[in-house]
Amino acid sequence: MPPLPRDLVERPLPLRTGIGIAHDVVSTRDPQAQAYYDQGLAYLQSYMWIEAARSFHQALRLDPALAIAGVGLSYAYVELNAPVEARTALDRARELAAGASEHDRRRIELRDAQMAAEDAPRDVVRLAAYRKAIDEALTKSPDDVELWLLRGLAESSDAAERGQGSPPGAVRFFERAVALAPKQFAAHHYLTHAFENAGRTSDALAQAEAYARMAPQVPHARHMLGHELRRSGRIGEAIAEFEAADRLEVAYLDKEHVPAAHVWHYHHNLDLLATSYQYVGRVAKAEELLKKSFAIPSNSVQQEFNKREWPVFLLARGRAGEALAAAGELASHRSPLVSAIGHVEEGEARLALREPRAATEEANAALRLMRSSPEGAGLVASALRQLQGELLWRRGQRDQGRAALQQVAKDVRAAPGPDAWVQALFTLEAIARAAREAGDWEFAGWAAQQMLEHDPNYAGTHYALGLIARHNGNQAGARSAFERARILWAQADPGLPELQDLRE
């Protein structure tokens, strides 16, 4: 992955509309510098890191003494995987702080405390000190919207939290920000994440609708509405929002000549759009987008990890040889965690190819990598346990295999957020399929019931239930389940194998 081009984040840009309102009065007498600072803030709050950096640089060109712009740059550079540049920006802000207002100096001090906590993610003392500093600032400036937003973000156990993982405890801080500045979008954005993480789907949907309405030209705003629509069972509308986000993203990449590799959200939206197509049986479109996403390099370990969706998809479509090749690319990754998930998916492919010994070797390779990188091992744990459970089945250890897979089902269903929700559904589907292939129809029925509890609106759920009913000789039950699947697959590819099976 090439380093971030300096020109990409420093070149001038215009003031834009449709990105939502953000405003924080800072110590500049230049109204254009203030406008560009506010634009940078808006882009930060919608995770458009490159445009945020460009805006803060433009503010500094207009007012070289605007110290607080360095705080904004420090956030953008961290998220662009440029930690040296982030530290340099904050150091420059400190150098300029003597001429700044008390408001700006306080914000620089808070960012310094936050970065100290980010540098030591397990140090609860530093995180507590950061939270205390915000609380003290709020006692002096109780109407400061940005402080309330920072305090909500700081409620997470991760000092580097930017909103996606906001816990329920953050809600009251974000709601205070909404009350103070109802025309600003950021609190609605963060509340969407906080509510979806708490399983409050209807509340999350209301906030996502507000965010998309206030920032219609922001890909992430449309994407978040897609999140909540999908989770609400409105998959057609969700696909439309993910498609809208994709159009905005493609137009931006083309107009601004930005390499796709440096825009994490473009990859992420492709993944969710693809899995939504997969959900409704439009597998040709899903394949096109997952393959495209897999081919784009990223300097984000999380995004590289998410590329596992491509071999998982290939396995679900019965293409084990291609899945093995794709998983092999992940297994050769420099990150131990990405490599570990690659070995897990290689193991799944080996099992599908009837090579249990090779699958066991891949599971062991993944386990060794997880032990070498324990901080992120939780990302791989459920997938590895799934492979191990299937291996136990193949060895005739049915009870142990069932226990392992039951734990997998419990863990994936408990994971918060709509991304994890749809992946949990596909994991349950894979378990049901593996159980049928292993001849354990009783457990396959259990897995199908788990799918029904998790999402009764998915056609694959009813297809799995119909297969169980047919195997058990329940023809009426099979017909009913298959008819429901057929209705839910109304927009599916005509050649979808499952539909062919239903016709026969």
Foldseek 3Di string as FASTA:
>chain_A
DDADDPCQQAPADDQDPLLFWFADDWPDPDVQLRSLQRVLVSCLLLVVLSSSSNSLNVSCVVPVLRLLSLLSNLLSCVSLVNNVSSVVSLVSSVVSVVPIDPVSVLSSVLSVLLVVCQVPLVPVVSLVVSLVSLVVVCVVVVLRLVSLVQNQQSVDSGSSGSQQQRELVSLVSLVSSCVSPVRGLSSLVSVLNHCQQVVNLVSSLVSLVVNCVRRVLRLSSLQSNLQSCVVVLNLVSSLVSLVSSLVSVVVCCVVSVPQPQSRLVNLVSLQVNLLSCVQLAANVSSLVSLVVSLPRHYPDPVSLLVNLVNLLSCVVVVNLVVSLVSLVVQLPDPQLQSVLQSLLSNLVSCVSVVNLVSSVVSLVSSVVSCVVPVVPSVVCVLSSLLSVLLSCLVVVNPVSSLVSNVVSLVVLLSRGGSVSLSVSLSSLLVSLVSCVVSVNLVSNCVSLVSNCVSDVLGLSSLLSQLVSCVVVVNNVSNLVSLVSSCVSSVVHDPVRVSVVVSVD
